[in-house]
Structure formats: structure tokens, C-alpha cells
Amino acid sequence: MAETKRTGGGHGRNHGYQRPKDMKGTFKKLMGYVGKYKGSLVLVAICLLISSAASVATSYLLKPLLNDYIIPGDFPGLFKMLLVMGGMYLLSSLCSFAYARIMVHVAQHTVAALRLDAVLGAAWDLSRGKAAELVASGRVQVDYLPELRPDRHLHEGAVLSVRGLGRAKIAEIGGKTKKDRVGVMLLRF
């Protein structure tokens, strides 16, 4: 067979990921973007590590379970080992559930104005017209009080409840974009 030589394409050394020149500064800037969610992010990392470690530990316990308890017929020891493995699986599941709940849907959106219909549309990916219909139908509450005006101005920390869709909170209001839109960070739960 003749050898073929590849030319062009592919991933060279100078393409793809490159390490930042100022790693410490980049990390600080990234932590600035994360803002008040730093504690939650650390807790998620800890839960993720515990969940992963417990899953790996249960996999490694299978061999001693077979060799030391099942084959020799040590049923009291087998029962204890199964309880330990069950606890490890439970710990893994609880940590997975915890980090999933902590990392509830957080989304960054921009809206033309901090009107109720615009923010509802951004939170649930609806048109402003559909959001206005939800408000007019009486399915929407702002800060746990019914609201019938789609043009109501909202504030940071406002909790929006839509019957049948869930709740969202305006976690943070950012600055204006070049197109004069308002940045809004929404937390859906």
C-alpha cells in the first residue's frame, strides 16, 4: 500500500485551547463574573466530588464483596457490606440531588425594559404577547401577589410566579447593552 501524507486540516499545536497569559488575573475576572454565587459554586464542587468518590468507591467494593463474602458464604459479613454499599449509593445520590438543586436554572438574558411581560418572556422563552396573555388571564403573581398589568415595572429580587410554569426570581439586574437593552439574571425554580 502506498502511504498517504496528510496536509492541512486537523488540530495543530497552535490551534485550540491556549493558556491565558495572566492566569491569576483571568481567574479573578472569572470569579468577579460569578459574583454572589461563589459559595454555591464551591458547594456544588464539593457535592460533585463526594458524589463521584462515592460512586467510584462502590465500584471498587464489588471485588472484595465477591471474593471475601459471597464465595466463602459469609452471609452476616455480606449483609454488613451491602449496608455499607447501600450507604455509599445513598450518599452519592443525595450529593447528586444537592448539586442539581443548587444549580437550578440560572440564566442571563437581556430585555428591552424591566416590564413584567418582557421579563416573563425571557424567563420562560415566550413572546411578549403570550406573556401579556398569561398576565391578563390572572395566572401571574409578582412577589406572591396577583398582578394584572403586563407593563408593571419590576425590581431586583422580585419573585415571579406563573401557574403551570413555575417561579423565577430576578437575581441581578445588570447594566445596559450597546443596543440599550437591560441585562437580567434570572433564577428559575
C-alpha atoms as a PDB file:
ATOM      1  CA  MET A   1       0.000   0.000   0.000  1.00  0.00           C
ATOM      2  CA  ALA A   2       1.139   3.482  -0.686  1.00  0.00           C
ATOM      3  CA  GLU A   3       1.406   5.830   2.235  1.00  0.00           C
ATOM      4  CA  THR A   4      -0.623   8.977   2.063  1.00  0.00           C
ATOM      5  CA  LYS A   5       0.555  12.184   3.577  1.00  0.00           C
ATOM      6  CA  ARG A   6      -1.964  14.418   5.249  1.00  0.00           C
ATOM      7  CA  THR A   7      -1.765  18.080   4.552  1.00  0.00           C
ATOM      8  CA  GLY A   8      -3.742  20.874   6.142  1.00  0.00           C
ATOM      9  CA  GLY A   9      -6.710  20.471   8.436  1.00  0.00           C
ATOM     10  CA  GLY A  10      -6.548  18.750  11.790  1.00  0.00           C
ATOM     11  CA  HIS A  11      -5.506  20.224  15.070  1.00  0.00           C
ATOM     12  CA  GLY A  12      -2.058  21.681  15.187  1.00  0.00           C
ATOM     13  CA  ARG A  13      -0.179  22.806  18.236  1.00  0.00           C
ATOM     14  CA  ASN A  14      -1.070  26.437  17.717  1.00  0.00           C
ATOM     15  CA  HIS A  15      -4.807  25.870  17.493  1.00  0.00           C
ATOM     16  CA  GLY A  16      -7.457  25.181  20.082  1.00  0.00           C
ATOM     17  CA  TYR A  17      -7.054  25.928  23.772  1.00  0.00           C
ATOM     18  CA  GLN A  18      -4.294  28.289  24.781  1.00  0.00           C
ATOM     19  CA  ARG A  19      -3.406  29.049  28.365  1.00  0.00           C
ATOM     20  CA  PRO A  20      -4.097  32.665  29.372  1.00  0.00           C
ATOM     21  CA  LYS A  21      -1.004  34.827  29.790  1.00  0.00           C
ATOM     22  CA  ASP A  22      -2.210  36.090  33.173  1.00  0.00           C
ATOM     23  CA  MET A  23      -3.838  33.047  34.779  1.00  0.00           C
ATOM     24  CA  LYS A  24      -4.326  34.704  38.182  1.00  0.00           C
ATOM     25  CA  GLY A  25      -5.933  37.792  36.639  1.00  0.00           C
ATOM     26  CA  THR A  26      -8.160  35.669  34.421  1.00  0.00           C
ATOM     27  CA  PHE A  27      -9.291  33.624  37.425  1.00  0.00           C
ATOM     28  CA  LYS A  28     -10.061  36.801  39.403  1.00  0.00           C
ATOM     29  CA  LYS A  29     -12.062  38.191  36.482  1.00  0.00           C
ATOM     30  CA  LEU A  30     -13.975  34.923  36.203  1.00  0.00           C
ATOM     31  CA  MET A  31     -14.765  34.978  39.929  1.00  0.00           C
ATOM     32  CA  GLY A  32     -15.978  38.556  39.506  1.00  0.00           C
ATOM     33  CA  TYR A  33     -18.457  37.348  36.884  1.00  0.00           C
ATOM     34  CA  VAL A  34     -19.666  34.607  39.192  1.00  0.00           C
ATOM     35  CA  GLY A  35     -20.402  37.280  41.818  1.00  0.00           C
ATOM     36  CA  LYS A  36     -22.556  36.294  44.739  1.00  0.00           C
ATOM     37  CA  TYR A  37     -22.818  32.701  43.528  1.00  0.00           C
ATOM     38  CA  LYS A  38     -19.247  31.830  44.614  1.00  0.00           C
ATOM     39  CA  GLY A  39     -20.389  29.987  47.750  1.00  0.00           C
ATOM     40  CA  SER A  40     -22.936  27.974  45.784  1.00  0.00           C
ATOM     41  CA  LEU A  41     -20.331  27.125  43.176  1.00  0.00           C
ATOM     42  CA  VAL A  42     -17.928  25.857  45.863  1.00  0.00           C
ATOM     43  CA  LEU A  43     -20.720  23.796  47.444  1.00  0.00           C
ATOM     44  CA  VAL A  44     -21.569  22.314  44.040  1.00  0.00           C
ATOM     45  CA  ALA A  45     -17.905  21.376  43.514  1.00  0.00           C
ATOM     46  CA  ILE A  46     -17.769  19.678  46.943  1.00  0.00           C
ATOM     47  CA  CYS A  47     -21.021  17.763  46.301  1.00  0.00           C
ATOM     48  CA  LEU A  48     -19.761  16.731  42.869  1.00  0.00           C
ATOM     49  CA  LEU A  49     -16.501  15.414  44.352  1.00  0.00           C
ATOM     50  CA  ILE A  50     -18.292  13.492  47.109  1.00  0.00           C
ATOM     51  CA  SER A  51     -20.792  12.046  44.633  1.00  0.00           C
ATOM     52  CA  SER A  52     -18.037  10.946  42.256  1.00  0.00           C
ATOM     53  CA  ALA A  53     -15.895   9.481  45.058  1.00  0.00           C
ATOM     54  CA  ALA A  54     -18.844   7.514  46.469  1.00  0.00           C
ATOM     55  CA  SER A  55     -19.704   6.149  43.013  1.00  0.00           C
ATOM     56  CA  VAL A  56     -16.117   5.058  42.398  1.00  0.00           C
ATOM     57  CA  ALA A  57     -15.851   3.542  45.898  1.00  0.00           C
ATOM     58  CA  THR A  58     -18.938   1.397  45.372  1.00  0.00           C
ATOM     59  CA  SER A  59     -17.477   0.101  42.112  1.00  0.00           C
ATOM     60  CA  TYR A  60     -14.238  -0.854  43.849  1.00  0.00           C
ATOM     61  CA  LEU A  61     -16.108  -2.579  46.686  1.00  0.00           C
ATOM     62  CA  LEU A  62     -17.653  -5.126  44.301  1.00  0.00           C
ATOM     63  CA  LYS A  63     -14.497  -7.275  44.031  1.00  0.00           C
ATOM     64  CA  PRO A  64     -13.999  -7.643  47.817  1.00  0.00           C
ATOM     65  CA  LEU A  65     -17.727  -8.258  48.142  1.00  0.00           C
ATOM     66  CA  LEU A  66     -17.498 -11.231  45.790  1.00  0.00           C
ATOM     67  CA  ASN A  67     -14.150 -12.614  46.962  1.00  0.00           C
ATOM     68  CA  ASP A  68     -14.486 -12.112  50.714  1.00  0.00           C
ATOM     69  CA  TYR A  69     -18.203 -12.553  51.375  1.00  0.00           C
ATOM     70  CA  ILE A  70     -20.187 -14.234  48.598  1.00  0.00           C
ATOM     71  CA  ILE A  71     -17.776 -17.022  47.540  1.00  0.00           C
ATOM     72  CA  PRO A  72     -16.859 -18.066  51.134  1.00  0.00           C
ATOM     73  CA  GLY A  73     -20.525 -17.839  52.170  1.00  0.00           C
ATOM     74  CA  ASP A  74     -20.075 -15.223  54.926  1.00  0.00           C
ATOM     75  CA  PHE A  75     -23.680 -14.000  54.922  1.00  0.00           C
ATOM     76  CA  PRO A  76     -23.543 -11.799  58.074  1.00  0.00           C
ATOM     77  CA  GLY A  77     -20.469 -10.075  56.611  1.00  0.00           C
ATOM     78  CA  LEU A  78     -22.217  -9.838  53.242  1.00  0.00           C
ATOM     79  CA  PHE A  79     -25.195  -8.135  54.876  1.00  0.00           C
ATOM     80  CA  LYS A  80     -22.909  -5.576  56.553  1.00  0.00           C
ATOM     81  CA  MET A  81     -21.048  -4.960  53.303  1.00  0.00           C
ATOM     82  CA  LEU A  82     -24.328  -4.490  51.424  1.00  0.00           C
ATOM     83  CA  LEU A  83     -25.394  -1.928  54.037  1.00  0.00           C
ATOM     84  CA  VAL A  84     -22.089  -0.067  53.545  1.00  0.00           C
ATOM     85  CA  MET A  85     -22.523  -0.118  49.766  1.00  0.00           C
ATOM     86  CA  GLY A  86     -26.140   0.989  50.097  1.00  0.00           C
ATOM     87  CA  GLY A  87     -24.999   3.897  52.248  1.00  0.00           C
ATOM     88  CA  MET A  88     -22.398   4.834  49.643  1.00  0.00           C
ATOM     89  CA  TYR A  89     -25.011   4.748  46.869  1.00  0.00           C
ATOM     90  CA  LEU A  90     -27.354   6.827  49.025  1.00  0.00           C
ATOM     91  CA  LEU A  91     -24.592   9.369  49.734  1.00  0.00           C
ATOM     92  CA  SER A  92     -23.792   9.572  46.026  1.00  0.00           C
ATOM     93  CA  SER A  93     -27.459  10.071  45.151  1.00  0.00           C
ATOM     94  CA  LEU A  94     -28.001  12.719  47.824  1.00  0.00           C
ATOM     95  CA  CYS A  95     -24.943  14.690  46.717  1.00  0.00           C
ATOM     96  CA  SER A  96     -26.047  14.456  43.082  1.00  0.00           C
ATOM     97  CA  PHE A  97     -29.501  15.702  44.059  1.00  0.00           C
ATOM     98  CA  ALA A  98     -27.982  18.510  46.142  1.00  0.00           C
ATOM     99  CA  TYR A  99     -25.764  19.889  43.412  1.00  0.00           C
ATOM    100  CA  ALA A 100     -28.571  19.573  40.877  1.00  0.00           C
ATOM    101  CA  ARG A 101     -30.883  21.585  43.151  1.00  0.00           C
ATOM    102  CA  ILE A 102     -28.219  24.197  43.840  1.00  0.00           C
ATOM    103  CA  MET A 103     -27.528  24.668  40.168  1.00  0.00           C
ATOM    104  CA  VAL A 104     -31.153  25.395  39.418  1.00  0.00           C
ATOM    105  CA  HIS A 105     -31.717  27.055  36.094  1.00  0.00           C
ATOM    106  CA  VAL A 106     -29.788  30.342  36.239  1.00  0.00           C
ATOM    107  CA  ALA A 107     -29.877  32.266  33.004  1.00  0.00           C
ATOM    108  CA  GLN A 108     -28.587  35.571  31.744  1.00  0.00           C
ATOM    109  CA  HIS A 109     -30.963  37.429  29.454  1.00  0.00           C
ATOM    110  CA  THR A 110     -31.388  40.902  28.062  1.00  0.00           C
ATOM    111  CA  VAL A 111     -34.749  42.620  27.906  1.00  0.00           C
ATOM    112  CA  ALA A 112     -35.836  45.841  26.278  1.00  0.00           C
ATOM    113  CA  ALA A 113     -37.322  47.102  29.550  1.00  0.00           C
ATOM    114  CA  LEU A 114     -37.944  45.772  33.050  1.00  0.00           C
ATOM    115  CA  ARG A 115     -41.618  45.288  32.260  1.00  0.00           C
ATOM    116  CA  LEU A 116     -43.407  42.220  33.605  1.00  0.00           C
ATOM    117  CA  ASP A 117     -44.278  40.850  30.162  1.00  0.00           C
ATOM    118  CA  ALA A 118     -40.706  41.256  28.878  1.00  0.00           C
ATOM    119  CA  VAL A 119     -39.135  39.526  31.883  1.00  0.00           C
ATOM    120  CA  LEU A 120     -41.745  36.723  31.805  1.00  0.00           C
ATOM    121  CA  GLY A 121     -40.947  36.215  28.140  1.00  0.00           C
ATOM    122  CA  ALA A 122     -37.229  35.993  28.873  1.00  0.00           C
ATOM    123  CA  ALA A 123     -37.685  33.633  31.831  1.00  0.00           C
ATOM    124  CA  TRP A 124     -39.872  31.096  30.014  1.00  0.00           C
ATOM    125  CA  ASP A 125     -38.890  31.773  26.403  1.00  0.00           C
ATOM    126  CA  LEU A 126     -42.265  33.272  25.484  1.00  0.00           C
ATOM    127  CA  SER A 127     -43.214  36.150  23.240  1.00  0.00           C
ATOM    128  CA  ARG A 128     -44.227  39.359  24.998  1.00  0.00           C
ATOM    129  CA  GLY A 129     -47.741  38.898  23.614  1.00  0.00           C
ATOM    130  CA  LYS A 130     -48.044  35.390  25.094  1.00  0.00           C
ATOM    131  CA  ALA A 131     -46.629  36.683  28.396  1.00  0.00           C
ATOM    132  CA  ALA A 132     -49.195  39.524  28.383  1.00  0.00           C
ATOM    133  CA  GLU A 133     -51.964  36.935  27.843  1.00  0.00           C
ATOM    134  CA  LEU A 134     -50.745  34.991  30.893  1.00  0.00           C
ATOM    135  CA  VAL A 135     -50.851  38.183  32.973  1.00  0.00           C
ATOM    136  CA  ALA A 136     -54.330  39.127  31.722  1.00  0.00           C
ATOM    137  CA  SER A 137     -55.636  35.624  32.495  1.00  0.00           C
ATOM    138  CA  GLY A 138     -54.702  36.060  36.180  1.00  0.00           C
ATOM    139  CA  ARG A 139     -52.094  33.265  36.207  1.00  0.00           C
ATOM    140  CA  VAL A 140     -49.209  35.569  37.210  1.00  0.00           C
ATOM    141  CA  GLN A 141     -48.126  36.788  40.637  1.00  0.00           C
ATOM    142  CA  VAL A 142     -45.357  39.240  41.477  1.00  0.00           C
ATOM    143  CA  ASP A 143     -43.892  38.882  44.955  1.00  0.00           C
ATOM    144  CA  TYR A 144     -46.736  36.446  45.759  1.00  0.00           C
ATOM    145  CA  LEU A 145     -49.463  38.984  44.911  1.00  0.00           C
ATOM    146  CA  PRO A 146     -51.709  38.733  41.831  1.00  0.00           C
ATOM    147  CA  GLU A 147     -50.742  41.092  39.018  1.00  0.00           C
ATOM    148  CA  LEU A 148     -52.915  42.019  36.030  1.00  0.00           C
ATOM    149  CA  ARG A 149     -50.775  44.758  34.434  1.00  0.00           C
ATOM    150  CA  PRO A 150     -48.261  43.494  31.853  1.00  0.00           C
ATOM    151  CA  ASP A 151     -46.453  46.847  31.879  1.00  0.00           C
ATOM    152  CA  ARG A 152     -45.617  46.717  35.602  1.00  0.00           C
ATOM    153  CA  HIS A 153     -42.008  47.742  36.304  1.00  0.00           C
ATOM    154  CA  LEU A 154     -40.014  45.083  38.171  1.00  0.00           C
ATOM    155  CA  HIS A 155     -37.156  45.370  40.648  1.00  0.00           C
ATOM    156  CA  GLU A 156     -34.158  43.227  41.584  1.00  0.00           C
ATOM    157  CA  GLY A 157     -35.241  40.399  43.870  1.00  0.00           C
ATOM    158  CA  ALA A 158     -38.811  40.276  42.515  1.00  0.00           C
ATOM    159  CA  VAL A 159     -40.289  36.767  42.549  1.00  0.00           C
ATOM    160  CA  LEU A 160     -42.498  35.912  39.574  1.00  0.00           C
ATOM    161  CA  SER A 161     -44.953  33.017  39.845  1.00  0.00           C
ATOM    162  CA  VAL A 162     -46.806  31.658  36.827  1.00  0.00           C
ATOM    163  CA  ARG A 163     -49.404  28.986  37.472  1.00  0.00           C
ATOM    164  CA  GLY A 164     -48.458  25.936  35.417  1.00  0.00           C
ATOM    165  CA  LEU A 165     -44.912  27.118  34.616  1.00  0.00           C
ATOM    166  CA  GLY A 166     -43.191  27.671  37.965  1.00  0.00           C
ATOM    167  CA  ARG A 167     -41.342  30.534  39.602  1.00  0.00           C
ATOM    168  CA  ALA A 168     -38.471  32.805  38.679  1.00  0.00           C
ATOM    169  CA  LYS A 169     -36.571  35.398  40.635  1.00  0.00           C
ATOM    170  CA  ILE A 170     -34.737  38.417  39.261  1.00  0.00           C
ATOM    171  CA  ALA A 171     -31.408  37.594  40.869  1.00  0.00           C
ATOM    172  CA  GLU A 172     -29.499  40.512  39.411  1.00  0.00           C
ATOM    173  CA  ILE A 173     -30.066  43.479  37.128  1.00  0.00           C
ATOM    174  CA  GLY A 174     -27.007  44.340  35.080  1.00  0.00           C
ATOM    175  CA  GLY A 175     -26.091  47.338  33.027  1.00  0.00           C
ATOM    176  CA  LYS A 176     -27.303  48.398  29.618  1.00  0.00           C
ATOM    177  CA  THR A 177     -26.004  46.849  26.423  1.00  0.00           C
ATOM    178  CA  LYS A 178     -24.892  48.725  23.309  1.00  0.00           C
ATOM    179  CA  LYS A 179     -28.405  48.293  21.940  1.00  0.00           C
ATOM    180  CA  ASP A 180     -29.860  49.887  25.102  1.00  0.00           C
ATOM    181  CA  ARG A 181     -31.217  46.609  26.491  1.00  0.00           C
ATOM    182  CA  VAL A 182     -31.079  45.727  30.185  1.00  0.00           C
ATOM    183  CA  GLY A 183     -29.146  42.665  31.353  1.00  0.00           C
ATOM    184  CA  VAL A 184     -31.124  40.477  33.741  1.00  0.00           C
ATOM    185  CA  MET A 185     -30.007  37.320  35.552  1.00  0.00           C
ATOM    186  CA  LEU A 186     -32.985  35.089  36.247  1.00  0.00           C
ATOM    187  CA  LEU A 187     -33.141  32.162  38.647  1.00  0.00           C
ATOM    188  CA  ARG A 188     -35.895  29.678  37.820  1.00  0.00           C
ATOM    189  CA  PHE A 189     -37.112  27.278  40.472  1.00  0.00           C
END
